[in-house]
């Protein structure tokens, strides 16, 4: 259960989606702690969806099948708002704040990572696939084995975000203010692309019905 859980945790976090972009942006702009706190928030959200999947698989599948397009539409709207904000954001303001030795707000960054991830419940499809691939919910194991398994999922996800923020923080000093501005534009654009594709897909499916 331990190695299965760790593998699932890493594979849930590894795809560089919007929350990964947010984690990188915060690490580059404000340092490793805000980026890691964002990853912790994403991990909590992933664990929440893993618990929903493990203990209510049939209900979750039925709910997603009936509401997939609406859920994707709402999540994409959230991404568009953040993408525009990030695209327009001036990195100089973040650097000025960090130079004033303002402490990073763990609660703010954790909540940001959590809500940014939880707003895209379509990740449940990935979790369902991973659970099936690794045969994670095994009926014959005892209850405490499940506790170990879910803690292992959290450990795998946290390990991934620890590694990502460590690497990004190491190269952070090589970025100038102009580089930071360009990265904000690129990451904001990528998030907008994610959002636009999601909206087009969900609207076309709704019209098709």
N, C-alpha and C. Protein backbone atom coordinates (compact mmCIF):
# COMPACT_ATOMS: atom_id res chain seq x y z
N UNK A 1 0.83 -1.21 0.00
CA UNK A 1 0.00 0.00 0.00
C UNK A 1 0.86 1.26 0.00
N UNK A 2 2.05 1.16 0.63
CA UNK A 2 2.91 2.35 0.72
C UNK A 2 3.43 2.76 -0.65
N UNK A 3 4.02 1.80 -1.36
CA UNK A 3 4.60 2.17 -2.66
C UNK A 3 3.51 2.54 -3.66
N UNK A 4 2.35 1.88 -3.57
CA UNK A 4 1.23 2.24 -4.45
C UNK A 4 0.77 3.66 -4.16
N UNK A 5 0.64 3.98 -2.88
CA UNK A 5 0.20 5.32 -2.49
C UNK A 5 1.17 6.40 -2.93
N UNK A 6 2.47 6.16 -2.72
CA UNK A 6 3.48 7.13 -3.12
C UNK A 6 3.45 7.35 -4.63
N UNK A 7 3.33 6.26 -5.39
CA UNK A 7 3.27 6.36 -6.85
C UNK A 7 2.06 7.15 -7.30
N UNK A 8 0.91 6.89 -6.69
CA UNK A 8 -0.31 7.62 -7.05
C UNK A 8 -0.15 9.10 -6.72
N UNK A 9 0.40 9.41 -5.54
CA UNK A 9 0.59 10.80 -5.14
C UNK A 9 1.48 11.57 -6.10
N UNK A 10 2.56 10.93 -6.54
CA UNK A 10 3.47 11.59 -7.48
C UNK A 10 2.80 11.79 -8.83
N UNK A 11 2.11 10.77 -9.31
CA UNK A 11 1.50 10.83 -10.64
C UNK A 11 0.31 11.80 -10.69
N UNK A 12 -0.36 12.00 -9.56
CA UNK A 12 -1.43 13.00 -9.52
C UNK A 12 -0.85 14.40 -9.63
N UNK A 13 0.29 14.63 -8.95
CA UNK A 13 0.88 15.97 -8.88
C UNK A 13 1.76 16.31 -10.08
N UNK A 14 2.38 15.28 -10.68
CA UNK A 14 3.41 15.52 -11.69
C UNK A 14 2.94 16.25 -12.94
N UNK A 15 1.74 15.98 -13.49
CA UNK A 15 1.34 16.72 -14.69
C UNK A 15 1.36 18.22 -14.44
N UNK A 16 2.08 18.96 -15.27
CA UNK A 16 2.29 20.38 -15.04
C UNK A 16 1.07 21.18 -15.53
N UNK A 17 0.00 21.10 -14.75
CA UNK A 17 -1.21 21.85 -15.05
C UNK A 17 -1.17 23.23 -14.43
N UNK A 18 -2.33 23.87 -14.31
CA UNK A 18 -2.39 25.24 -13.78
C UNK A 18 -1.79 25.39 -12.38
N UNK A 19 -2.06 24.43 -11.47
CA UNK A 19 -1.53 24.58 -10.11
C UNK A 19 -0.01 24.44 -10.11
N UNK A 20 0.53 23.63 -11.01
CA UNK A 20 1.98 23.53 -11.13
C UNK A 20 2.58 24.84 -11.60
N UNK A 21 1.92 25.49 -12.55
CA UNK A 21 2.36 26.80 -13.03
C UNK A 21 2.32 27.83 -11.90
N UNK A 22 1.25 27.77 -11.10
CA UNK A 22 1.12 28.70 -9.98
C UNK A 22 2.23 28.47 -8.96
N UNK A 23 2.54 27.22 -8.69
CA UNK A 23 3.61 26.88 -7.74
C UNK A 23 4.96 27.41 -8.22
N UNK A 24 5.24 27.25 -9.51
CA UNK A 24 6.50 27.75 -10.07
C UNK A 24 6.56 29.26 -10.01
N UNK A 25 5.44 29.91 -10.37
CA UNK A 25 5.42 31.37 -10.37
C UNK A 25 5.65 31.93 -8.97
N UNK A 26 5.03 31.35 -7.97
CA UNK A 26 5.20 31.84 -6.60
C UNK A 26 6.61 31.59 -6.10
N UNK A 27 7.19 30.44 -6.48
CA UNK A 27 8.56 30.15 -6.06
C UNK A 27 9.54 31.14 -6.68
N UNK A 28 9.36 31.44 -7.96
CA UNK A 28 10.24 32.39 -8.63
C UNK A 28 10.07 33.81 -8.10
N UNK A 29 8.83 34.19 -7.82
CA UNK A 29 8.55 35.57 -7.43
C UNK A 29 8.84 35.83 -5.95
N UNK A 30 8.54 34.85 -5.10
CA UNK A 30 8.60 35.12 -3.65
C UNK A 30 9.48 34.16 -2.86
N UNK A 31 10.01 33.14 -3.50
CA UNK A 31 10.85 32.20 -2.77
C UNK A 31 10.21 30.84 -2.63
N UNK A 32 10.95 29.93 -2.00
CA UNK A 32 10.53 28.54 -1.98
C UNK A 32 9.31 28.30 -1.09
N UNK A 33 9.25 28.97 0.06
CA UNK A 33 8.17 28.68 1.00
C UNK A 33 6.78 28.93 0.41
N UNK A 34 6.51 30.09 -0.22
CA UNK A 34 5.18 30.27 -0.81
C UNK A 34 4.85 29.21 -1.86
N UNK A 35 5.86 28.82 -2.66
CA UNK A 35 5.64 27.78 -3.65
C UNK A 35 5.32 26.44 -3.00
N UNK A 36 6.06 26.11 -1.93
CA UNK A 36 5.82 24.84 -1.23
C UNK A 36 4.48 24.84 -0.52
N UNK A 37 4.11 25.99 0.06
CA UNK A 37 2.79 26.09 0.70
C UNK A 37 1.68 25.88 -0.33
N UNK A 38 1.88 26.41 -1.54
CA UNK A 38 0.91 26.20 -2.61
C UNK A 38 0.78 24.72 -2.94
N UNK A 39 1.93 24.03 -2.99
CA UNK A 39 1.92 22.58 -3.23
C UNK A 39 1.22 21.81 -2.12
N UNK A 40 1.38 22.28 -0.87
CA UNK A 40 0.70 21.64 0.25
C UNK A 40 -0.82 21.77 0.09
N UNK A 41 -1.26 22.97 -0.31
CA UNK A 41 -2.69 23.17 -0.55
C UNK A 41 -3.21 22.26 -1.64
N UNK A 42 -2.43 22.12 -2.73
CA UNK A 42 -2.82 21.22 -3.81
C UNK A 42 -2.87 19.77 -3.33
N UNK A 43 -1.93 19.39 -2.46
CA UNK A 43 -1.90 18.04 -1.91
C UNK A 43 -3.15 17.75 -1.09
N UNK A 44 -3.57 18.72 -0.27
CA UNK A 44 -4.78 18.54 0.54
C UNK A 44 -6.00 18.33 -0.36
N UNK A 45 -6.07 19.12 -1.45
CA UNK A 45 -7.17 18.97 -2.39
C UNK A 45 -7.14 17.60 -3.06
N UNK A 46 -5.94 17.16 -3.49
CA UNK A 46 -5.81 15.86 -4.13
C UNK A 46 -6.21 14.73 -3.18
N UNK A 47 -5.79 14.86 -1.92
CA UNK A 47 -6.13 13.84 -0.93
C UNK A 47 -7.64 13.80 -0.69
N UNK A 48 -8.25 14.97 -0.69
CA UNK A 48 -9.71 15.06 -0.53
C UNK A 48 -10.41 14.30 -1.66
N UNK A 49 -9.96 14.52 -2.89
CA UNK A 49 -10.57 13.83 -4.03
C UNK A 49 -10.26 12.33 -4.02
N UNK A 50 -9.07 11.97 -3.53
CA UNK A 50 -8.74 10.55 -3.41
C UNK A 50 -9.67 9.85 -2.41
N UNK A 51 -9.96 10.53 -1.30
CA UNK A 51 -10.87 9.95 -0.31
C UNK A 51 -12.28 9.82 -0.87
N UNK A 52 -12.71 10.85 -1.61
CA UNK A 52 -14.02 10.76 -2.26
C UNK A 52 -14.08 9.60 -3.23
N UNK A 53 -13.01 9.43 -3.98
CA UNK A 53 -12.96 8.36 -4.97
C UNK A 53 -12.95 6.99 -4.30
N UNK A 54 -12.13 6.86 -3.26
CA UNK A 54 -11.99 5.58 -2.59
C UNK A 54 -13.23 5.12 -1.86
N UNK A 55 -13.97 6.08 -1.28
CA UNK A 55 -15.12 5.70 -0.46
C UNK A 55 -16.47 5.95 -1.12
N UNK A 56 -16.46 6.51 -2.31
CA UNK A 56 -17.73 6.72 -3.00
C UNK A 56 -17.57 6.67 -4.50
N UNK A 57 -16.88 5.67 -4.98
CA UNK A 57 -16.49 5.59 -6.39
C UNK A 57 -17.70 5.61 -7.33
N UNK A 58 -18.71 4.82 -7.06
CA UNK A 58 -19.86 4.74 -7.98
C UNK A 58 -20.62 6.07 -8.00
N UNK A 59 -20.80 6.69 -6.83
CA UNK A 59 -21.51 7.97 -6.77
C UNK A 59 -20.74 9.05 -7.51
N UNK A 60 -19.42 9.09 -7.31
CA UNK A 60 -18.58 10.10 -7.95
C UNK A 60 -18.64 9.96 -9.46
N UNK A 61 -18.54 8.73 -9.94
CA UNK A 61 -18.58 8.51 -11.39
C UNK A 61 -19.91 8.97 -11.98
N UNK A 62 -21.00 8.65 -11.30
CA UNK A 62 -22.32 9.05 -11.78
C UNK A 62 -22.47 10.57 -11.77
N UNK A 63 -21.99 11.20 -10.70
CA UNK A 63 -22.08 12.66 -10.59
C UNK A 63 -21.29 13.34 -11.71
N UNK A 64 -20.08 12.85 -11.98
CA UNK A 64 -19.24 13.44 -13.01
C UNK A 64 -19.85 13.27 -14.40
N UNK A 65 -20.42 12.10 -14.64
CA UNK A 65 -21.02 11.85 -15.95
C UNK A 65 -22.16 12.82 -16.23
N UNK A 66 -22.92 13.20 -15.20
CA UNK A 66 -24.07 14.07 -15.38
C UNK A 66 -23.72 15.55 -15.34
N UNK A 67 -22.57 15.89 -14.74
CA UNK A 67 -22.24 17.31 -14.53
C UNK A 67 -20.87 17.71 -15.07
N UNK A 68 -20.26 16.85 -15.86
CA UNK A 68 -18.89 17.09 -16.31
C UNK A 68 -18.73 18.43 -17.01
N UNK A 69 -19.64 18.75 -17.94
CA UNK A 69 -19.49 19.96 -18.74
C UNK A 69 -19.67 21.23 -17.90
N UNK A 70 -20.64 21.20 -16.99
CA UNK A 70 -20.86 22.37 -16.13
C UNK A 70 -19.67 22.58 -15.20
N UNK A 71 -19.17 21.50 -14.62
CA UNK A 71 -18.01 21.58 -13.73
C UNK A 71 -16.81 22.14 -14.47
N UNK A 72 -16.58 21.64 -15.68
CA UNK A 72 -15.44 22.11 -16.47
C UNK A 72 -15.60 23.57 -16.84
N UNK A 73 -16.81 24.01 -17.11
CA UNK A 73 -17.08 25.39 -17.47
C UNK A 73 -16.77 26.33 -16.29
N UNK A 74 -17.22 25.97 -15.09
CA UNK A 74 -16.98 26.80 -13.90
C UNK A 74 -15.48 26.84 -13.58
N UNK A 75 -14.84 25.67 -13.60
CA UNK A 75 -13.40 25.63 -13.32
C UNK A 75 -12.60 26.44 -14.32
N UNK A 76 -12.99 26.40 -15.59
CA UNK A 76 -12.28 27.16 -16.63
C UNK A 76 -12.46 28.66 -16.43
N UNK A 77 -13.65 29.08 -15.97
CA UNK A 77 -13.89 30.50 -15.70
C UNK A 77 -12.97 31.00 -14.59
N UNK A 78 -12.78 30.17 -13.57
CA UNK A 78 -11.85 30.52 -12.49
C UNK A 78 -10.43 30.67 -13.03
N UNK A 79 -10.02 29.75 -13.90
CA UNK A 79 -8.68 29.80 -14.48
C UNK A 79 -8.49 31.05 -15.33
N UNK A 80 -9.51 31.46 -16.06
CA UNK A 80 -9.40 32.65 -16.90
C UNK A 80 -9.13 33.88 -16.04
N UNK A 81 -9.86 34.00 -14.93
CA UNK A 81 -9.66 35.13 -14.03
C UNK A 81 -8.24 35.18 -13.50
N UNK A 82 -7.72 34.04 -13.08
CA UNK A 82 -6.37 34.02 -12.55
C UNK A 82 -5.33 34.24 -13.64
N UNK A 83 -5.57 33.65 -14.82
CA UNK A 83 -4.63 33.82 -15.92
C UNK A 83 -4.47 35.28 -16.33
N UNK A 84 -5.59 36.00 -16.39
CA UNK A 84 -5.55 37.43 -16.72
C UNK A 84 -4.80 38.21 -15.65
N UNK A 85 -5.09 37.87 -14.37
CA UNK A 85 -4.42 38.54 -13.25
C UNK A 85 -2.91 38.34 -13.34
N UNK A 86 -2.49 37.10 -13.59
CA UNK A 86 -1.07 36.79 -13.64
C UNK A 86 -0.41 37.43 -14.85
N UNK A 87 -1.12 37.47 -15.98
CA UNK A 87 -0.58 38.06 -17.20
C UNK A 87 -0.28 39.55 -16.99
N UNK A 88 -1.15 40.23 -16.23
CA UNK A 88 -1.00 41.67 -16.02
C UNK A 88 -0.13 42.01 -14.81
N UNK A 89 0.18 41.02 -13.98
CA UNK A 89 0.87 41.28 -12.72
C UNK A 89 2.29 41.77 -12.97
N UNK A 90 2.68 42.78 -12.23
CA UNK A 90 4.04 43.33 -12.30
C UNK A 90 4.92 42.62 -11.28
N UNK A 91 5.92 41.86 -11.72
CA UNK A 91 6.75 41.12 -10.77
C UNK A 91 7.55 42.02 -9.84
N UNK A 92 7.74 43.29 -10.22
CA UNK A 92 8.50 44.21 -9.37
C UNK A 92 7.83 44.38 -8.01
N UNK A 93 6.50 44.32 -7.97
CA UNK A 93 5.79 44.48 -6.70
C UNK A 93 6.09 43.34 -5.75
N UNK A 94 6.19 42.11 -6.28
CA UNK A 94 6.51 40.95 -5.44
C UNK A 94 7.92 41.04 -4.91
N UNK A 95 8.85 41.50 -5.78
CA UNK A 95 10.23 41.61 -5.36
C UNK A 95 10.38 42.69 -4.30
N UNK A 96 9.65 43.80 -4.46
CA UNK A 96 9.68 44.87 -3.46
C UNK A 96 9.17 44.37 -2.12
N UNK A 97 8.09 43.59 -2.13
CA UNK A 97 7.55 43.05 -0.89
C UNK A 97 8.52 42.10 -0.24
N UNK A 98 9.18 41.25 -1.03
CA UNK A 98 10.12 40.29 -0.45
C UNK A 98 11.34 41.00 0.12
N UNK A 99 11.72 42.15 -0.47
CA UNK A 99 12.84 42.90 0.06
C UNK A 99 12.51 43.56 1.38
N UNK A 100 11.23 43.71 1.70
CA UNK A 100 10.81 44.29 2.96
C UNK A 100 10.72 43.23 4.05
N UNK A 101 11.18 42.00 3.73
CA UNK A 101 11.21 40.89 4.68
C UNK A 101 9.83 40.58 5.27
N UNK A 102 8.82 40.71 4.45
CA UNK A 102 7.49 40.34 4.89
C UNK A 102 7.40 38.82 4.94
N UNK A 103 6.92 38.26 6.06
CA UNK A 103 6.84 36.81 6.15
C UNK A 103 5.81 36.24 5.18
N UNK A 104 6.13 35.09 4.61
CA UNK A 104 5.18 34.43 3.72
C UNK A 104 3.97 34.00 4.53
N UNK A 105 2.79 34.12 3.95
CA UNK A 105 1.56 33.74 4.64
C UNK A 105 1.23 32.30 4.29
N UNK A 106 1.53 31.35 5.19
CA UNK A 106 1.24 29.94 4.88
C UNK A 106 -0.23 29.72 4.60
N UNK A 107 -1.11 30.31 5.43
CA UNK A 107 -2.55 30.09 5.26
C UNK A 107 -3.02 30.56 3.89
N UNK A 108 -2.57 31.75 3.47
CA UNK A 108 -3.01 32.30 2.19
C UNK A 108 -2.55 31.44 1.03
N UNK A 109 -1.30 31.01 1.06
CA UNK A 109 -0.77 30.21 -0.04
C UNK A 109 -1.33 28.80 -0.06
N UNK A 110 -1.54 28.21 1.13
CA UNK A 110 -2.13 26.88 1.19
C UNK A 110 -3.57 26.91 0.69
N UNK A 111 -4.33 27.90 1.15
CA UNK A 111 -5.72 28.02 0.69
C UNK A 111 -5.78 28.29 -0.81
N UNK A 112 -4.84 29.12 -1.30
CA UNK A 112 -4.80 29.39 -2.74
C UNK A 112 -4.56 28.12 -3.54
N UNK A 113 -3.57 27.32 -3.11
CA UNK A 113 -3.29 26.06 -3.79
C UNK A 113 -4.44 25.09 -3.70
N UNK A 114 -5.11 25.07 -2.53
CA UNK A 114 -6.25 24.15 -2.35
C UNK A 114 -7.41 24.52 -3.27
N UNK A 115 -7.83 25.79 -3.22
CA UNK A 115 -9.00 26.20 -4.01
C UNK A 115 -8.70 26.18 -5.51
N UNK A 116 -7.43 26.45 -5.87
CA UNK A 116 -7.06 26.41 -7.28
C UNK A 116 -7.16 24.98 -7.82
N UNK A 117 -6.83 24.01 -6.97
CA UNK A 117 -6.89 22.61 -7.39
C UNK A 117 -8.30 22.05 -7.28
N UNK A 118 -8.99 22.39 -6.19
CA UNK A 118 -10.31 21.83 -5.97
C UNK A 118 -11.33 22.38 -6.97
N UNK A 119 -11.01 23.51 -7.62
CA UNK A 119 -11.93 24.08 -8.61
C UNK A 119 -11.92 23.28 -9.91
N UNK A 120 -11.04 22.27 -9.99
CA UNK A 120 -10.98 21.42 -11.18
C UNK A 120 -11.23 19.97 -10.79
N UNK A 121 -12.47 19.62 -10.43
CA UNK A 121 -12.75 18.25 -9.97
C UNK A 121 -12.62 17.19 -11.05
N UNK A 122 -12.37 17.61 -12.29
CA UNK A 122 -12.18 16.61 -13.35
C UNK A 122 -10.91 15.78 -13.13
N UNK A 123 -10.08 16.22 -12.15
CA UNK A 123 -8.91 15.41 -11.80
C UNK A 123 -9.34 14.05 -11.25
N UNK A 124 -10.62 13.96 -10.86
CA UNK A 124 -11.14 12.68 -10.39
C UNK A 124 -11.01 11.59 -11.44
N UNK A 125 -11.11 11.97 -12.72
CA UNK A 125 -10.95 10.97 -13.78
C UNK A 125 -9.53 10.38 -13.75
N UNK A 126 -8.54 11.25 -13.51
CA UNK A 126 -7.15 10.77 -13.40
C UNK A 126 -7.01 9.87 -12.17
N UNK A 127 -7.60 10.28 -11.05
CA UNK A 127 -7.50 9.49 -9.82
C UNK A 127 -8.16 8.13 -10.00
N UNK A 128 -9.34 8.12 -10.63
CA UNK A 128 -10.03 6.85 -10.87
C UNK A 128 -9.16 5.92 -11.71
N UNK A 129 -8.53 6.48 -12.75
CA UNK A 129 -7.65 5.68 -13.60
C UNK A 129 -6.44 5.14 -12.85
N UNK A 130 -5.85 5.99 -11.98
CA UNK A 130 -4.67 5.56 -11.21
C UNK A 130 -5.06 4.49 -10.18
N UNK A 131 -6.21 4.68 -9.54
CA UNK A 131 -6.66 3.69 -8.56
C UNK A 131 -6.86 2.34 -9.24
N UNK A 132 -7.44 2.37 -10.45
CA UNK A 132 -7.66 1.13 -11.18
C UNK A 132 -6.33 0.51 -11.61
N UNK A 133 -5.41 1.35 -12.07
CA UNK A 133 -4.11 0.86 -12.56
C UNK A 133 -3.31 0.19 -11.44
N UNK A 134 -3.32 0.81 -10.26
CA UNK A 134 -2.52 0.29 -9.14
C UNK A 134 -3.35 -0.60 -8.20
N UNK A 135 -4.60 -0.87 -8.60
CA UNK A 135 -5.47 -1.72 -7.78
C UNK A 135 -5.44 -1.26 -6.33
N UNK A 136 -5.66 0.04 -6.15
CA UNK A 136 -5.45 0.63 -4.82
C UNK A 136 -6.53 0.24 -3.81
N UNK A 137 -7.82 0.37 -4.13
CA UNK A 137 -8.82 -0.03 -3.12
C UNK A 137 -9.00 -1.55 -3.12
N UNK A 138 -8.13 -2.25 -2.40
CA UNK A 138 -8.21 -3.71 -2.37
C UNK A 138 -9.13 -4.13 -1.22
N UNK A 139 -10.23 -4.85 -1.51
CA UNK A 139 -11.23 -5.16 -0.47
C UNK A 139 -10.68 -5.98 0.69
N UNK A 140 -9.68 -6.84 0.42
CA UNK A 140 -9.25 -7.78 1.46
C UNK A 140 -8.33 -7.16 2.51
N UNK A 141 -7.83 -5.92 2.29
CA UNK A 141 -6.92 -5.33 3.26
C UNK A 141 -7.71 -4.72 4.41
N UNK A 142 -7.04 -4.53 5.54
CA UNK A 142 -7.69 -3.99 6.72
C UNK A 142 -7.78 -2.47 6.64
N UNK A 143 -8.59 -1.88 7.53
CA UNK A 143 -8.86 -0.45 7.48
C UNK A 143 -7.60 0.37 7.68
N UNK A 144 -6.74 -0.06 8.61
CA UNK A 144 -5.53 0.73 8.87
C UNK A 144 -4.57 0.71 7.68
N UNK A 145 -4.69 -0.31 6.82
CA UNK A 145 -3.89 -0.32 5.59
C UNK A 145 -4.31 0.84 4.68
N UNK A 146 -5.61 1.14 4.67
CA UNK A 146 -6.08 2.28 3.88
C UNK A 146 -5.52 3.59 4.42
N UNK A 147 -5.46 3.70 5.74
CA UNK A 147 -4.90 4.92 6.34
C UNK A 147 -3.46 5.10 5.89
N UNK A 148 -2.69 4.00 5.95
CA UNK A 148 -1.30 4.05 5.48
C UNK A 148 -1.24 4.41 4.01
N UNK A 149 -2.15 3.84 3.22
CA UNK A 149 -2.16 4.11 1.78
C UNK A 149 -2.43 5.57 1.46
N UNK A 150 -3.44 6.16 2.12
CA UNK A 150 -3.77 7.57 1.86
C UNK A 150 -2.69 8.50 2.38
N UNK A 151 -2.07 8.16 3.50
CA UNK A 151 -0.94 8.96 3.99
C UNK A 151 0.24 8.87 3.01
N UNK A 152 0.39 7.71 2.37
CA UNK A 152 1.45 7.55 1.37
C UNK A 152 1.17 8.38 0.13
N UNK A 153 -0.11 8.52 -0.24
CA UNK A 153 -0.46 9.40 -1.36
C UNK A 153 -0.06 10.83 -1.05
N UNK A 154 -0.38 11.28 0.18
CA UNK A 154 0.00 12.63 0.59
C UNK A 154 1.52 12.79 0.60
N UNK A 155 2.23 11.76 1.06
CA UNK A 155 3.69 11.83 1.11
C UNK A 155 4.28 11.91 -0.30
N UNK A 156 3.73 11.14 -1.22
CA UNK A 156 4.22 11.18 -2.60
C UNK A 156 4.00 12.54 -3.24
N UNK A 157 2.80 13.12 -3.02
CA UNK A 157 2.50 14.44 -3.58
C UNK A 157 3.38 15.52 -2.96
N UNK A 158 3.53 15.48 -1.63
CA UNK A 158 4.38 16.47 -0.96
C UNK A 158 5.84 16.34 -1.40
N UNK A 159 6.28 15.10 -1.59
CA UNK A 159 7.65 14.89 -2.07
C UNK A 159 7.87 15.50 -3.44
N UNK A 160 6.87 15.39 -4.30
CA UNK A 160 6.96 15.98 -5.63
C UNK A 160 7.08 17.50 -5.55
N UNK A 161 6.20 18.13 -4.75
CA UNK A 161 6.23 19.59 -4.65
C UNK A 161 7.51 20.07 -3.95
N UNK A 162 8.02 19.27 -3.01
CA UNK A 162 9.30 19.61 -2.37
C UNK A 162 10.41 19.64 -3.42
N UNK A 163 10.43 18.64 -4.30
CA UNK A 163 11.46 18.56 -5.33
C UNK A 163 11.33 19.70 -6.34
N UNK A 164 10.10 19.98 -6.78
CA UNK A 164 9.88 21.04 -7.77
C UNK A 164 10.33 22.39 -7.21
N UNK A 165 9.89 22.72 -5.99
CA UNK A 165 10.25 24.03 -5.42
C UNK A 165 11.74 24.11 -5.12
N UNK A 166 12.36 22.99 -4.79
CA UNK A 166 13.81 22.98 -4.53
C UNK A 166 14.58 23.33 -5.80
N UNK A 167 14.19 22.68 -6.91
CA UNK A 167 14.89 22.92 -8.18
C UNK A 167 14.65 24.34 -8.67
N UNK A 168 13.39 24.79 -8.64
CA UNK A 168 13.06 26.13 -9.13
C UNK A 168 13.75 27.19 -8.28
N UNK A 169 13.80 26.97 -6.97
CA UNK A 169 14.44 27.94 -6.09
C UNK A 169 15.94 28.04 -6.35
N UNK A 170 16.56 26.92 -6.74
CA UNK A 170 18.00 26.91 -7.03
C UNK A 170 18.34 27.79 -8.24
N UNK A 171 17.44 27.82 -9.23
CA UNK A 171 17.71 28.61 -10.44
C UNK A 171 17.09 30.00 -10.35
N UNK A 172 16.39 30.28 -9.26
CA UNK A 172 15.65 31.54 -9.11
C UNK A 172 16.57 32.75 -9.20
N UNK A 173 17.76 32.65 -8.63
CA UNK A 173 18.67 33.80 -8.60
C UNK A 173 19.20 34.18 -9.98
N UNK A 174 19.04 33.30 -10.95
CA UNK A 174 19.53 33.58 -12.30
C UNK A 174 18.51 34.36 -13.14
N UNK A 175 17.35 34.64 -12.57
CA UNK A 175 16.31 35.35 -13.31
C UNK A 175 16.34 36.84 -12.98
N UNK A 176 16.39 37.66 -14.02
CA UNK A 176 16.31 39.11 -13.84
C UNK A 176 14.84 39.53 -13.73
N UNK A 177 14.62 40.82 -13.47
CA UNK A 177 13.26 41.33 -13.38
C UNK A 177 12.52 41.15 -14.71
N UNK A 178 13.24 41.36 -15.82
CA UNK A 178 12.63 41.18 -17.13
C UNK A 178 12.26 39.70 -17.36
N UNK A 179 13.13 38.81 -16.90
CA UNK A 179 12.85 37.38 -17.03
C UNK A 179 11.60 37.01 -16.24
N UNK A 180 11.48 37.58 -15.03
CA UNK A 180 10.31 37.31 -14.20
C UNK A 180 9.03 37.82 -14.87
N UNK A 181 9.14 38.99 -15.47
CA UNK A 181 7.99 39.56 -16.19
C UNK A 181 7.57 38.65 -17.33
N UNK A 182 8.58 38.14 -18.07
CA UNK A 182 8.31 37.26 -19.21
C UNK A 182 7.69 35.94 -18.73
N UNK A 183 8.19 35.41 -17.61
CA UNK A 183 7.66 34.16 -17.08
C UNK A 183 6.21 34.33 -16.67
N UNK A 184 5.90 35.47 -16.03
CA UNK A 184 4.51 35.76 -15.66
C UNK A 184 3.61 35.74 -16.90
N UNK A 185 4.09 36.36 -17.98
CA UNK A 185 3.32 36.40 -19.23
C UNK A 185 3.11 34.98 -19.77
N UNK A 186 4.19 34.19 -19.77
CA UNK A 186 4.12 32.84 -20.33
C UNK A 186 3.17 31.96 -19.51
N UNK A 187 3.37 31.97 -18.18
CA UNK A 187 2.54 31.13 -17.31
C UNK A 187 1.08 31.58 -17.36
N UNK A 188 0.86 32.90 -17.35
CA UNK A 188 -0.50 33.42 -17.47
C UNK A 188 -1.14 32.99 -18.78
N UNK A 189 -0.37 33.01 -19.87
CA UNK A 189 -0.88 32.60 -21.17
C UNK A 189 -1.22 31.11 -21.20
N UNK A 190 -0.34 30.29 -20.59
CA UNK A 190 -0.58 28.84 -20.55
C UNK A 190 -1.86 28.54 -19.78
N UNK A 191 -2.06 29.22 -18.63
CA UNK A 191 -3.27 29.02 -17.84
C UNK A 191 -4.51 29.44 -18.63
N UNK A 192 -4.39 30.55 -19.37
CA UNK A 192 -5.51 31.01 -20.21
C UNK A 192 -5.83 29.98 -21.29
N UNK A 193 -4.80 29.36 -21.86
CA UNK A 193 -5.02 28.33 -22.89
C UNK A 193 -5.77 27.14 -22.28
N UNK A 194 -5.31 26.70 -21.08
CA UNK A 194 -6.02 25.63 -20.37
C UNK A 194 -7.50 25.98 -20.23
N UNK A 195 -7.76 27.22 -19.81
CA UNK A 195 -9.12 27.66 -19.55
C UNK A 195 -9.96 27.72 -20.83
N UNK A 196 -9.39 28.30 -21.88
CA UNK A 196 -10.13 28.46 -23.14
C UNK A 196 -10.48 27.09 -23.74
N UNK A 197 -9.51 26.18 -23.71
CA UNK A 197 -9.77 24.83 -24.22
C UNK A 197 -10.90 24.17 -23.42
N UNK A 198 -10.87 24.35 -22.09
CA UNK A 198 -11.91 23.77 -21.25
C UNK A 198 -13.28 24.35 -21.56
N UNK A 199 -13.34 25.68 -21.75
CA UNK A 199 -14.62 26.34 -22.04
C UNK A 199 -15.16 25.91 -23.40
N UNK A 200 -14.30 25.90 -24.41
CA UNK A 200 -14.73 25.49 -25.75
C UNK A 200 -15.24 24.06 -25.74
N UNK A 201 -14.52 23.19 -25.04
CA UNK A 201 -14.91 21.79 -24.98
C UNK A 201 -16.25 21.62 -24.27
N UNK A 202 -16.41 22.28 -23.11
CA UNK A 202 -17.65 22.12 -22.35
C UNK A 202 -18.84 22.75 -23.06
N UNK A 203 -18.65 23.93 -23.67
CA UNK A 203 -19.75 24.58 -24.38
C UNK A 203 -20.17 23.76 -25.59
N UNK A 204 -19.21 23.24 -26.35
CA UNK A 204 -19.55 22.43 -27.52
C UNK A 204 -20.30 21.16 -27.14
N UNK A 205 -19.91 20.57 -25.99
CA UNK A 205 -20.61 19.38 -25.52
C UNK A 205 -22.03 19.70 -25.07
N UNK A 206 -22.19 20.87 -24.41
CA UNK A 206 -23.52 21.26 -23.96
C UNK A 206 -24.43 21.57 -25.15
N UNK A 207 -23.86 22.24 -26.18
CA UNK A 207 -24.65 22.55 -27.38
C UNK A 207 -25.02 21.27 -28.11
N UNK A 208 -24.06 20.33 -28.13
CA UNK A 208 -24.30 19.05 -28.81
C UNK A 208 -25.44 18.26 -28.20
N UNK A 209 -25.65 18.47 -26.88
CA UNK A 209 -26.76 17.76 -26.23
C UNK A 209 -28.11 18.34 -26.64
